[in-house]
């Protein structure tokens, strides 16, 4: 019973174009004919290719990554024949002329051909090891930055902060003063903020930390939207980037996305594109709202 259900499910899992024997798409696009030696079946004169059979197997594997399904090849061919019969019946009944069916066909055609163009682009413009390394160096270069380990005491007024600085000047213990006076969540850990990059903190706070030497505390209170801070910079280090071999696959994918986006932008420059769903002003507003806002992270 389970095997029968799997066969039946294939009718819904296989892409519409995988087993097509016609040399024309819904919009009259000429397709390469199926070679006779590559044919696994002929239905009313329409050839079904072995490549379509491979697509079926790949589709099953994607749909069941954890399952071990070993379906006999003749059953897979039978499913392709069934789909070809249904397709031919749909054409006889002029179903491609129905608006919803035509839309789905165009969508599938657009998807398949766009993917084919991406594959063709990288065949003609293969990515080299040098390009990947250059992209890695650029990404790592942007990652090269200092990390800081610091403590702080957050109070509500400047006067309170100045008084704490006087206590520190007199030999007071920073952690103990933080536990006693700080109103921030880190008070219970002596004001410890752990390791962070400057981008993780609000600007006045990060600027004050970077201006200090290790072991120094601020001699003037630092004001942010959260209150007044007294900051102790305990340590600093260079952030270590991940090794090239470990992140090479991710870097290559990022590079591919960037190159394809450049390819699309070049096509747009040559294309005549008219937006019919919104005014130019609306589109500009959408584009502006789509831009990510600068990251703002609290000191606490």
C-alpha atoms as a PDB file:
ATOM      1  CA  UNK A   1       0.000   0.000   0.000  1.00  0.00           C
ATOM      2  CA  UNK A   2       2.773   2.460   0.925  1.00  0.00           C
ATOM      3  CA  UNK A   3       4.552   1.867  -2.380  1.00  0.00           C
ATOM      4  CA  UNK A   4       1.339   2.529  -4.319  1.00  0.00           C
ATOM      5  CA  UNK A   5       0.925   5.808  -2.467  1.00  0.00           C
ATOM      6  CA  UNK A   6       4.479   6.819  -3.340  1.00  0.00           C
ATOM      7  CA  UNK A   7       3.845   6.160  -7.039  1.00  0.00           C
ATOM      8  CA  UNK A   8       0.644   8.169  -6.968  1.00  0.00           C
ATOM      9  CA  UNK A   9       2.385  11.034  -5.176  1.00  0.00           C
ATOM     10  CA  UNK A  10       4.857  11.279  -8.017  1.00  0.00           C
ATOM     11  CA  UNK A  11       2.149  12.727 -10.167  1.00  0.00           C
ATOM     12  CA  UNK A  12       2.201  15.783  -7.923  1.00  0.00           C
ATOM     13  CA  UNK A  13       5.922  15.875  -7.182  1.00  0.00           C
ATOM     14  CA  UNK A  14       7.348  15.967 -10.710  1.00  0.00           C
ATOM     15  CA  UNK A  15       7.843  19.344 -12.317  1.00  0.00           C
ATOM     16  CA  UNK A  16       5.456  20.022 -15.146  1.00  0.00           C
ATOM     17  CA  UNK A  17       8.198  20.296 -17.722  1.00  0.00           C
ATOM     18  CA  UNK A  18      10.242  17.265 -16.725  1.00  0.00           C
ATOM     19  CA  UNK A  19       8.398  14.742 -18.846  1.00  0.00           C
ATOM     20  CA  UNK A  20       7.177  16.970 -21.635  1.00  0.00           C
ATOM     21  CA  UNK A  21       7.677  15.487 -25.047  1.00  0.00           C
ATOM     22  CA  UNK A  22       6.573  18.538 -27.021  1.00  0.00           C
ATOM     23  CA  UNK A  23       9.151  20.792 -28.641  1.00  0.00           C
ATOM     24  CA  UNK A  24       7.090  23.902 -27.858  1.00  0.00           C
ATOM     25  CA  UNK A  25       6.233  25.625 -24.589  1.00  0.00           C
ATOM     26  CA  UNK A  26       2.991  27.425 -23.859  1.00  0.00           C
ATOM     27  CA  UNK A  27       4.440  30.595 -25.369  1.00  0.00           C
ATOM     28  CA  UNK A  28       5.820  28.970 -28.521  1.00  0.00           C
ATOM     29  CA  UNK A  29       9.416  28.674 -27.376  1.00  0.00           C
ATOM     30  CA  UNK A  30      11.236  26.020 -29.421  1.00  0.00           C
ATOM     31  CA  UNK A  31      12.842  23.314 -27.292  1.00  0.00           C
ATOM     32  CA  UNK A  32      15.617  20.895 -28.155  1.00  0.00           C
ATOM     33  CA  UNK A  33      14.170  17.595 -29.435  1.00  0.00           C
ATOM     34  CA  UNK A  34      14.562  14.437 -27.369  1.00  0.00           C
ATOM     35  CA  UNK A  35      17.272  12.197 -28.846  1.00  0.00           C
ATOM     36  CA  UNK A  36      16.054   8.740 -29.853  1.00  0.00           C
ATOM     37  CA  UNK A  37      18.777   6.982 -27.855  1.00  0.00           C
ATOM     38  CA  UNK A  38      17.847   9.090 -24.819  1.00  0.00           C
ATOM     39  CA  UNK A  39      14.168   8.082 -24.994  1.00  0.00           C
ATOM     40  CA  UNK A  40      12.585   5.907 -22.293  1.00  0.00           C
ATOM     41  CA  UNK A  41       9.041   5.971 -23.719  1.00  0.00           C
ATOM     42  CA  UNK A  42       6.961   7.388 -26.589  1.00  0.00           C
ATOM     43  CA  UNK A  43       3.365   8.435 -25.931  1.00  0.00           C
ATOM     44  CA  UNK A  44       1.286   9.289 -29.004  1.00  0.00           C
ATOM     45  CA  UNK A  45       4.458  10.310 -30.787  1.00  0.00           C
ATOM     46  CA  UNK A  46       5.805  12.373 -27.899  1.00  0.00           C
ATOM     47  CA  UNK A  47       9.168  11.259 -26.518  1.00  0.00           C
ATOM     48  CA  UNK A  48       9.980  11.109 -22.802  1.00  0.00           C
ATOM     49  CA  UNK A  49      13.682  11.487 -22.061  1.00  0.00           C
ATOM     50  CA  UNK A  50      15.913   9.653 -19.613  1.00  0.00           C
ATOM     51  CA  UNK A  51      16.829  13.063 -18.210  1.00  0.00           C
ATOM     52  CA  UNK A  52      13.188  13.445 -17.173  1.00  0.00           C
ATOM     53  CA  UNK A  53      13.596  10.154 -15.312  1.00  0.00           C
ATOM     54  CA  UNK A  54      16.627  11.590 -13.516  1.00  0.00           C
ATOM     55  CA  UNK A  55      14.559  14.641 -12.541  1.00  0.00           C
ATOM     56  CA  UNK A  56      11.968  12.360 -10.958  1.00  0.00           C
ATOM     57  CA  UNK A  57      14.608  10.562  -8.899  1.00  0.00           C
ATOM     58  CA  UNK A  58      16.123  13.865  -7.775  1.00  0.00           C
ATOM     59  CA  UNK A  59      12.675  15.210  -6.876  1.00  0.00           C
ATOM     60  CA  UNK A  60      11.960  12.165  -4.695  1.00  0.00           C
ATOM     61  CA  UNK A  61      15.333  12.543  -2.964  1.00  0.00           C
ATOM     62  CA  UNK A  62      14.649  16.227  -2.208  1.00  0.00           C
ATOM     63  CA  UNK A  63      11.186  15.452  -0.894  1.00  0.00           C
ATOM     64  CA  UNK A  64      12.386  12.596   1.305  1.00  0.00           C
ATOM     65  CA  UNK A  65      15.965  13.426   2.427  1.00  0.00           C
ATOM     66  CA  UNK A  66      15.820  11.023   5.375  1.00  0.00           C
ATOM     67  CA  UNK A  67      13.971   8.195   3.643  1.00  0.00           C
ATOM     68  CA  UNK A  68      15.504   5.351   1.689  1.00  0.00           C
ATOM     69  CA  UNK A  69      13.131   4.923  -1.222  1.00  0.00           C
ATOM     70  CA  UNK A  70      14.182   2.495  -3.926  1.00  0.00           C
ATOM     71  CA  UNK A  71      11.455   2.628  -6.558  1.00  0.00           C
ATOM     72  CA  UNK A  72      11.922   0.391  -9.624  1.00  0.00           C
ATOM     73  CA  UNK A  73      12.725   2.334 -12.763  1.00  0.00           C
ATOM     74  CA  UNK A  74       9.778   0.871 -14.680  1.00  0.00           C
ATOM     75  CA  UNK A  75       7.411   2.347 -12.088  1.00  0.00           C
ATOM     76  CA  UNK A  76       9.010   5.756 -12.496  1.00  0.00           C
ATOM     77  CA  UNK A  77       8.634   5.509 -16.277  1.00  0.00           C
ATOM     78  CA  UNK A  78       5.007   4.538 -15.755  1.00  0.00           C
ATOM     79  CA  UNK A  79       4.457   7.718 -13.755  1.00  0.00           C
ATOM     80  CA  UNK A  80       6.049   9.795 -16.510  1.00  0.00           C
ATOM     81  CA  UNK A  81       3.763   8.136 -19.051  1.00  0.00           C
ATOM     82  CA  UNK A  82       0.763   8.908 -16.854  1.00  0.00           C
ATOM     83  CA  UNK A  83       1.748  12.539 -16.676  1.00  0.00           C
ATOM     84  CA  UNK A  84       2.279  12.743 -20.415  1.00  0.00           C
ATOM     85  CA  UNK A  85      -1.191  11.277 -21.012  1.00  0.00           C
ATOM     86  CA  UNK A  86      -2.717  13.792 -18.590  1.00  0.00           C
ATOM     87  CA  UNK A  87      -0.783  16.630 -20.214  1.00  0.00           C
ATOM     88  CA  UNK A  88      -1.950  15.671 -23.696  1.00  0.00           C
ATOM     89  CA  UNK A  89      -5.527  15.394 -22.431  1.00  0.00           C
ATOM     90  CA  UNK A  90      -5.239  18.865 -20.878  1.00  0.00           C
ATOM     91  CA  UNK A  91      -4.068  20.277 -24.211  1.00  0.00           C
ATOM     92  CA  UNK A  92      -6.941  18.581 -26.068  1.00  0.00           C
ATOM     93  CA  UNK A  93      -9.329  20.186 -23.612  1.00  0.00           C
ATOM     94  CA  UNK A  94      -7.598  23.555 -24.205  1.00  0.00           C
ATOM     95  CA  UNK A  95      -6.808  23.956 -20.511  1.00  0.00           C
ATOM     96  CA  UNK A  96      -3.662  26.046 -21.214  1.00  0.00           C
ATOM     97  CA  UNK A  97      -6.029  28.754 -22.439  1.00  0.00           C
ATOM     98  CA  UNK A  98      -7.552  29.071 -18.976  1.00  0.00           C
ATOM     99  CA  UNK A  99      -6.107  32.113 -17.235  1.00  0.00           C
ATOM    100  CA  UNK A 100      -5.038  30.381 -14.012  1.00  0.00           C
ATOM    101  CA  UNK A 101      -3.433  27.454 -15.852  1.00  0.00           C
ATOM    102  CA  UNK A 102      -1.618  29.785 -18.266  1.00  0.00           C
ATOM    103  CA  UNK A 103      -0.307  31.834 -15.329  1.00  0.00           C
ATOM    104  CA  UNK A 104       1.076  28.728 -13.623  1.00  0.00           C
ATOM    105  CA  UNK A 105       2.711  27.550 -16.853  1.00  0.00           C
ATOM    106  CA  UNK A 106       4.344  30.958 -17.407  1.00  0.00           C
ATOM    107  CA  UNK A 107       5.504  31.062 -13.791  1.00  0.00           C
ATOM    108  CA  UNK A 108       7.105  27.600 -14.044  1.00  0.00           C
ATOM    109  CA  UNK A 109       8.674  28.468 -17.388  1.00  0.00           C
ATOM    110  CA  UNK A 110      10.060  31.733 -15.989  1.00  0.00           C
ATOM    111  CA  UNK A 111      11.497  29.912 -12.970  1.00  0.00           C
ATOM    112  CA  UNK A 112      13.137  27.117 -14.979  1.00  0.00           C
ATOM    113  CA  UNK A 113      14.633  29.460 -17.584  1.00  0.00           C
ATOM    114  CA  UNK A 114      15.901  31.932 -14.989  1.00  0.00           C
ATOM    115  CA  UNK A 115      17.662  29.083 -13.182  1.00  0.00           C
ATOM    116  CA  UNK A 116      19.050  27.877 -16.503  1.00  0.00           C
ATOM    117  CA  UNK A 117      20.426  31.338 -17.245  1.00  0.00           C
ATOM    118  CA  UNK A 118      22.190  31.431 -13.862  1.00  0.00           C
ATOM    119  CA  UNK A 119      23.800  28.055 -14.584  1.00  0.00           C
ATOM    120  CA  UNK A 120      24.772  29.195 -18.083  1.00  0.00           C
ATOM    121  CA  UNK A 121      26.237  32.435 -16.693  1.00  0.00           C
ATOM    122  CA  UNK A 122      28.595  30.544 -14.385  1.00  0.00           C
ATOM    123  CA  UNK A 123      29.556  28.143 -17.172  1.00  0.00           C
ATOM    124  CA  UNK A 124      30.656  31.163 -19.195  1.00  0.00           C
ATOM    125  CA  UNK A 125      32.058  33.023 -16.169  1.00  0.00           C
ATOM    126  CA  UNK A 126      33.438  30.304 -13.853  1.00  0.00           C
ATOM    127  CA  UNK A 127      34.451  31.491 -10.410  1.00  0.00           C
ATOM    128  CA  UNK A 128      38.157  31.037  -9.764  1.00  0.00           C
ATOM    129  CA  UNK A 129      39.986  30.251  -6.553  1.00  0.00           C
ATOM    130  CA  UNK A 130      41.583  33.699  -6.774  1.00  0.00           C
ATOM    131  CA  UNK A 131      38.155  35.369  -6.835  1.00  0.00           C
ATOM    132  CA  UNK A 132      37.004  33.425  -3.778  1.00  0.00           C
ATOM    133  CA  UNK A 133      40.194  34.290  -1.887  1.00  0.00           C
ATOM    134  CA  UNK A 134      39.853  37.944  -2.844  1.00  0.00           C
ATOM    135  CA  UNK A 135      36.258  37.951  -1.594  1.00  0.00           C
ATOM    136  CA  UNK A 136      37.383  36.262   1.633  1.00  0.00           C
ATOM    137  CA  UNK A 137      40.132  38.864   2.137  1.00  0.00           C
ATOM    138  CA  UNK A 138      37.622  41.648   1.589  1.00  0.00           C
ATOM    139  CA  UNK A 139      35.169  40.144   4.069  1.00  0.00           C
ATOM    140  CA  UNK A 140      37.874  39.395   6.627  1.00  0.00           C
ATOM    141  CA  UNK A 141      39.296  42.867   6.150  1.00  0.00           C
ATOM    142  CA  UNK A 142      35.936  44.331   7.102  1.00  0.00           C
ATOM    143  CA  UNK A 143      35.873  42.002  10.107  1.00  0.00           C
ATOM    144  CA  UNK A 144      39.290  43.036  11.399  1.00  0.00           C
ATOM    145  CA  UNK A 145      38.442  45.086  14.421  1.00  0.00           C
ATOM    146  CA  UNK A 146      39.204  45.307  18.072  1.00  0.00           C
ATOM    147  CA  UNK A 147      37.119  43.750  20.795  1.00  0.00           C
ATOM    148  CA  UNK A 148      37.004  45.194  24.277  1.00  0.00           C
ATOM    149  CA  UNK A 149      36.301  43.822  27.726  1.00  0.00           C
ATOM    150  CA  UNK A 150      34.851  46.424  30.042  1.00  0.00           C
ATOM    151  CA  UNK A 151      32.828  47.144  33.149  1.00  0.00           C
ATOM    152  CA  UNK A 152      30.612  50.126  33.798  1.00  0.00           C
ATOM    153  CA  UNK A 153      28.612  51.782  36.527  1.00  0.00           C
ATOM    154  CA  UNK A 154      25.338  53.301  35.329  1.00  0.00           C
ATOM    155  CA  UNK A 155      23.698  56.018  37.438  1.00  0.00           C
ATOM    156  CA  UNK A 156      20.937  58.533  36.861  1.00  0.00           C
ATOM    157  CA  UNK A 157      22.806  61.830  37.373  1.00  0.00           C
ATOM    158  CA  UNK A 158      26.170  63.375  36.555  1.00  0.00           C
ATOM    159  CA  UNK A 159      26.713  64.189  40.198  1.00  0.00           C
ATOM    160  CA  UNK A 160      26.401  60.521  41.173  1.00  0.00           C
ATOM    161  CA  UNK A 161      28.867  59.550  38.477  1.00  0.00           C
ATOM    162  CA  UNK A 162      31.362  62.196  39.568  1.00  0.00           C
ATOM    163  CA  UNK A 163      31.101  60.980  43.157  1.00  0.00           C
ATOM    164  CA  UNK A 164      31.870  57.412  42.049  1.00  0.00           C
ATOM    165  CA  UNK A 165      34.933  58.649  40.127  1.00  0.00           C
ATOM    166  CA  UNK A 166      36.180  60.299  43.323  1.00  0.00           C
ATOM    167  CA  UNK A 167      35.748  56.986  45.156  1.00  0.00           C
ATOM    168  CA  UNK A 168      37.766  55.236  42.438  1.00  0.00           C
ATOM    169  CA  UNK A 169      40.469  57.892  42.650  1.00  0.00           C
ATOM    170  CA  UNK A 170      40.659  57.127  46.353  1.00  0.00           C
ATOM    171  CA  UNK A 171      41.300  53.452  45.671  1.00  0.00           C
ATOM    172  CA  UNK A 172      37.734  52.136  45.523  1.00  0.00           C
ATOM    173  CA  UNK A 173      37.099  48.732  43.948  1.00  0.00           C
ATOM    174  CA  UNK A 174      35.256  49.152  40.632  1.00  0.00           C
ATOM    175  CA  UNK A 175      33.304  45.896  40.809  1.00  0.00           C
ATOM    176  CA  UNK A 176      32.154  46.502  44.375  1.00  0.00           C
ATOM    177  CA  UNK A 177      31.107  50.076  43.550  1.00  0.00           C
ATOM    178  CA  UNK A 178      29.168  48.771  40.550  1.00  0.00           C
ATOM    179  CA  UNK A 179      27.352  46.230  42.719  1.00  0.00           C
ATOM    180  CA  UNK A 180      26.435  48.968  45.191  1.00  0.00           C
ATOM    181  CA  UNK A 181      25.560  51.949  42.962  1.00  0.00           C
ATOM    182  CA  UNK A 182      24.865  50.831  39.379  1.00  0.00           C
ATOM    183  CA  UNK A 183      21.234  50.803  38.271  1.00  0.00           C
ATOM    184  CA  UNK A 184      21.974  48.657  35.205  1.00  0.00           C
ATOM    185  CA  UNK A 185      21.357  44.896  34.877  1.00  0.00           C
ATOM    186  CA  UNK A 186      25.119  44.206  35.036  1.00  0.00           C
ATOM    187  CA  UNK A 187      25.321  45.554  38.607  1.00  0.00           C
ATOM    188  CA  UNK A 188      24.984  42.087  40.105  1.00  0.00           C
ATOM    189  CA  UNK A 189      28.118  40.993  38.172  1.00  0.00           C
ATOM    190  CA  UNK A 190      30.135  44.043  39.177  1.00  0.00           C
ATOM    191  CA  UNK A 191      29.264  45.937  35.992  1.00  0.00           C
ATOM    192  CA  UNK A 192      30.887  43.271  33.783  1.00  0.00           C
ATOM    193  CA  UNK A 193      29.889  43.627  30.113  1.00  0.00           C
ATOM    194  CA  UNK A 194      32.141  40.859  28.783  1.00  0.00           C
ATOM    195  CA  UNK A 195      33.719  41.107  25.331  1.00  0.00           C
ATOM    196  CA  UNK A 196      32.124  43.292  22.651  1.00  0.00           C
ATOM    197  CA  UNK A 197      32.917  45.204  19.477  1.00  0.00           C
ATOM    198  CA  UNK A 198      32.341  48.974  19.372  1.00  0.00           C
ATOM    199  CA  UNK A 199      29.391  48.508  17.000  1.00  0.00           C
ATOM    200  CA  UNK A 200      27.514  46.654  19.718  1.00  0.00           C
ATOM    201  CA  UNK A 201      27.343  49.733  21.950  1.00  0.00           C
ATOM    202  CA  UNK A 202      25.873  53.188  21.542  1.00  0.00           C
ATOM    203  CA  UNK A 203      28.372  55.645  20.109  1.00  0.00           C
ATOM    204  CA  UNK A 204      29.286  57.795  23.169  1.00  0.00           C
ATOM    205  CA  UNK A 205      29.908  54.613  25.155  1.00  0.00           C
ATOM    206  CA  UNK A 206      32.029  52.889  22.478  1.00  0.00           C
ATOM    207  CA  UNK A 207      34.036  56.070  21.806  1.00  0.00           C
ATOM    208  CA  UNK A 208      34.865  56.361  25.503  1.00  0.00           C
ATOM    209  CA  UNK A 209      35.985  52.718  25.671  1.00  0.00           C
ATOM    210  CA  UNK A 210      38.229  53.076  22.600  1.00  0.00           C
ATOM    211  CA  UNK A 211      39.837  56.230  24.022  1.00  0.00           C
ATOM    212  CA  UNK A 212      40.901  54.426  27.225  1.00  0.00           C
ATOM    213  CA  UNK A 213      43.965  52.265  27.799  1.00  0.00           C
ATOM    214  CA  UNK A 214      43.610  48.810  29.301  1.00  0.00           C
ATOM    215  CA  UNK A 215      43.141  49.134  33.056  1.00  0.00           C
ATOM    216  CA  UNK A 216      41.973  52.754  32.872  1.00  0.00           C
ATOM    217  CA  UNK A 217      38.572  54.168  33.809  1.00  0.00           C
ATOM    218  CA  UNK A 218      36.885  57.327  32.568  1.00  0.00           C
ATOM    219  CA  UNK A 219      37.806  60.463  34.497  1.00  0.00           C
ATOM    220  CA  UNK A 220      34.665  62.208  33.245  1.00  0.00           C
ATOM    221  CA  UNK A 221      31.146  60.734  33.255  1.00  0.00           C
ATOM    222  CA  UNK A 222      29.870  59.497  29.884  1.00  0.00           C
ATOM    223  CA  UNK A 223      26.288  60.385  29.001  1.00  0.00           C
ATOM    224  CA  UNK A 224      24.042  58.199  26.853  1.00  0.00           C
ATOM    225  CA  UNK A 225      20.276  57.904  26.525  1.00  0.00           C
ATOM    226  CA  UNK A 226      20.398  55.375  29.378  1.00  0.00           C
ATOM    227  CA  UNK A 227      22.012  57.663  31.938  1.00  0.00           C
ATOM    228  CA  UNK A 228      25.527  58.485  33.143  1.00  0.00           C
ATOM    229  CA  UNK A 229      28.321  55.923  32.907  1.00  0.00           C
ATOM    230  CA  UNK A 230      31.643  55.402  34.584  1.00  0.00           C
ATOM    231  CA  UNK A 231      33.561  52.917  32.417  1.00  0.00           C
ATOM    232  CA  UNK A 232      36.535  50.666  33.135  1.00  0.00           C
ATOM    233  CA  UNK A 233      38.321  49.167  30.127  1.00  0.00           C
ATOM    234  CA  UNK A 234      39.808  45.918  31.355  1.00  0.00           C
ATOM    235  CA  UNK A 235      41.286  44.395  28.190  1.00  0.00           C
ATOM    236  CA  UNK A 236      41.322  44.482  24.389  1.00  0.00           C
ATOM    237  CA  UNK A 237      42.135  42.093  21.555  1.00  0.00           C
ATOM    238  CA  UNK A 238      41.895  41.725  17.789  1.00  0.00           C
ATOM    239  CA  UNK A 239      38.857  39.792  16.651  1.00  0.00           C
ATOM    240  CA  UNK A 240      40.062  36.567  15.009  1.00  0.00           C
ATOM    241  CA  UNK A 241      38.479  35.863  11.593  1.00  0.00           C
ATOM    242  CA  UNK A 242      37.472  32.292  10.657  1.00  0.00           C
ATOM    243  CA  UNK A 243      40.056  30.354   8.579  1.00  0.00           C
ATOM    244  CA  UNK A 244      39.644  30.395   4.799  1.00  0.00           C
ATOM    245  CA  UNK A 245      39.035  26.666   4.295  1.00  0.00           C
ATOM    246  CA  UNK A 246      36.284  26.587   6.910  1.00  0.00           C
ATOM    247  CA  UNK A 247      34.216  29.376   5.348  1.00  0.00           C
ATOM    248  CA  UNK A 248      35.167  28.904   1.677  1.00  0.00           C
ATOM    249  CA  UNK A 249      31.784  27.349   0.663  1.00  0.00           C
ATOM    250  CA  UNK A 250      29.846  30.191   2.290  1.00  0.00           C
ATOM    251  CA  UNK A 251      32.136  32.810   0.727  1.00  0.00           C
ATOM    252  CA  UNK A 252      31.685  31.220  -2.698  1.00  0.00           C
ATOM    253  CA  UNK A 253      27.894  31.312  -2.332  1.00  0.00           C
ATOM    254  CA  UNK A 254      28.028  34.963  -1.259  1.00  0.00           C
ATOM    255  CA  UNK A 255      30.229  35.753  -4.260  1.00  0.00           C
ATOM    256  CA  UNK A 256      27.826  33.942  -6.592  1.00  0.00           C
ATOM    257  CA  UNK A 257      24.882  35.925  -5.249  1.00  0.00           C
ATOM    258  CA  UNK A 258      26.811  39.157  -5.730  1.00  0.00           C
ATOM    259  CA  UNK A 259      27.817  38.292  -9.289  1.00  0.00           C
ATOM    260  CA  UNK A 260      24.288  37.252 -10.236  1.00  0.00           C
ATOM    261  CA  UNK A 261      22.940  40.493  -8.791  1.00  0.00           C
ATOM    262  CA  UNK A 262      25.455  42.390 -10.936  1.00  0.00           C
ATOM    263  CA  UNK A 263      24.350  40.337 -13.945  1.00  0.00           C
ATOM    264  CA  UNK A 264      20.703  41.220 -13.243  1.00  0.00           C
ATOM    265  CA  UNK A 265      21.560  44.903 -12.846  1.00  0.00           C
ATOM    266  CA  UNK A 266      23.292  44.846 -16.243  1.00  0.00           C
ATOM    267  CA  UNK A 267      20.198  43.265 -17.789  1.00  0.00           C
ATOM    268  CA  UNK A 268      17.998  45.908 -16.178  1.00  0.00           C
ATOM    269  CA  UNK A 269      20.100  48.665 -17.700  1.00  0.00           C
ATOM    270  CA  UNK A 270      19.368  47.264 -21.164  1.00  0.00           C
ATOM    271  CA  UNK A 271      15.726  46.400 -20.530  1.00  0.00           C
ATOM    272  CA  UNK A 272      12.513  48.370 -21.004  1.00  0.00           C
ATOM    273  CA  UNK A 273      10.717  47.832 -17.677  1.00  0.00           C
ATOM    274  CA  UNK A 274       7.330  49.360 -16.876  1.00  0.00           C
ATOM    275  CA  UNK A 275       5.870  48.942 -13.389  1.00  0.00           C
ATOM    276  CA  UNK A 276       2.107  48.569 -13.662  1.00  0.00           C
ATOM    277  CA  UNK A 277       1.196  47.903 -10.018  1.00  0.00           C
ATOM    278  CA  UNK A 278       2.308  51.131  -8.323  1.00  0.00           C
ATOM    279  CA  UNK A 279       3.299  54.713  -9.142  1.00  0.00           C
ATOM    280  CA  UNK A 280       6.915  55.724  -9.333  1.00  0.00           C
ATOM    281  CA  UNK A 281       6.528  57.611  -6.072  1.00  0.00           C
ATOM    282  CA  UNK A 282       5.109  54.577  -4.360  1.00  0.00           C
ATOM    283  CA  UNK A 283       7.970  52.460  -5.655  1.00  0.00           C
ATOM    284  CA  UNK A 284      10.503  54.975  -4.376  1.00  0.00           C
ATOM    285  CA  UNK A 285       8.870  54.823  -0.984  1.00  0.00           C
ATOM    286  CA  UNK A 286       8.971  51.042  -1.003  1.00  0.00           C
ATOM    287  CA  UNK A 287      12.645  51.075  -1.953  1.00  0.00           C
ATOM    288  CA  UNK A 288      13.449  53.551   0.825  1.00  0.00           C
ATOM    289  CA  UNK A 289      11.564  51.558   3.442  1.00  0.00           C
ATOM    290  CA  UNK A 290      13.343  48.393   2.355  1.00  0.00           C
ATOM    291  CA  UNK A 291      16.733  49.824   3.377  1.00  0.00           C
ATOM    292  CA  UNK A 292      17.917  48.375   6.699  1.00  0.00           C
ATOM    293  CA  UNK A 293      18.049  50.829   9.580  1.00  0.00           C
ATOM    294  CA  UNK A 294      21.417  51.369  11.308  1.00  0.00           C
ATOM    295  CA  UNK A 295      21.900  48.948  14.156  1.00  0.00           C
ATOM    296  CA  UNK A 296      21.415  50.483  17.573  1.00  0.00           C
ATOM    297  CA  UNK A 297      22.326  48.395  20.532  1.00  0.00           C
ATOM    298  CA  UNK A 298      21.970  49.266  24.173  1.00  0.00           C
ATOM    299  CA  UNK A 299      24.931  49.472  26.487  1.00  0.00           C
ATOM    300  CA  UNK A 300      22.976  47.293  28.884  1.00  0.00           C
END
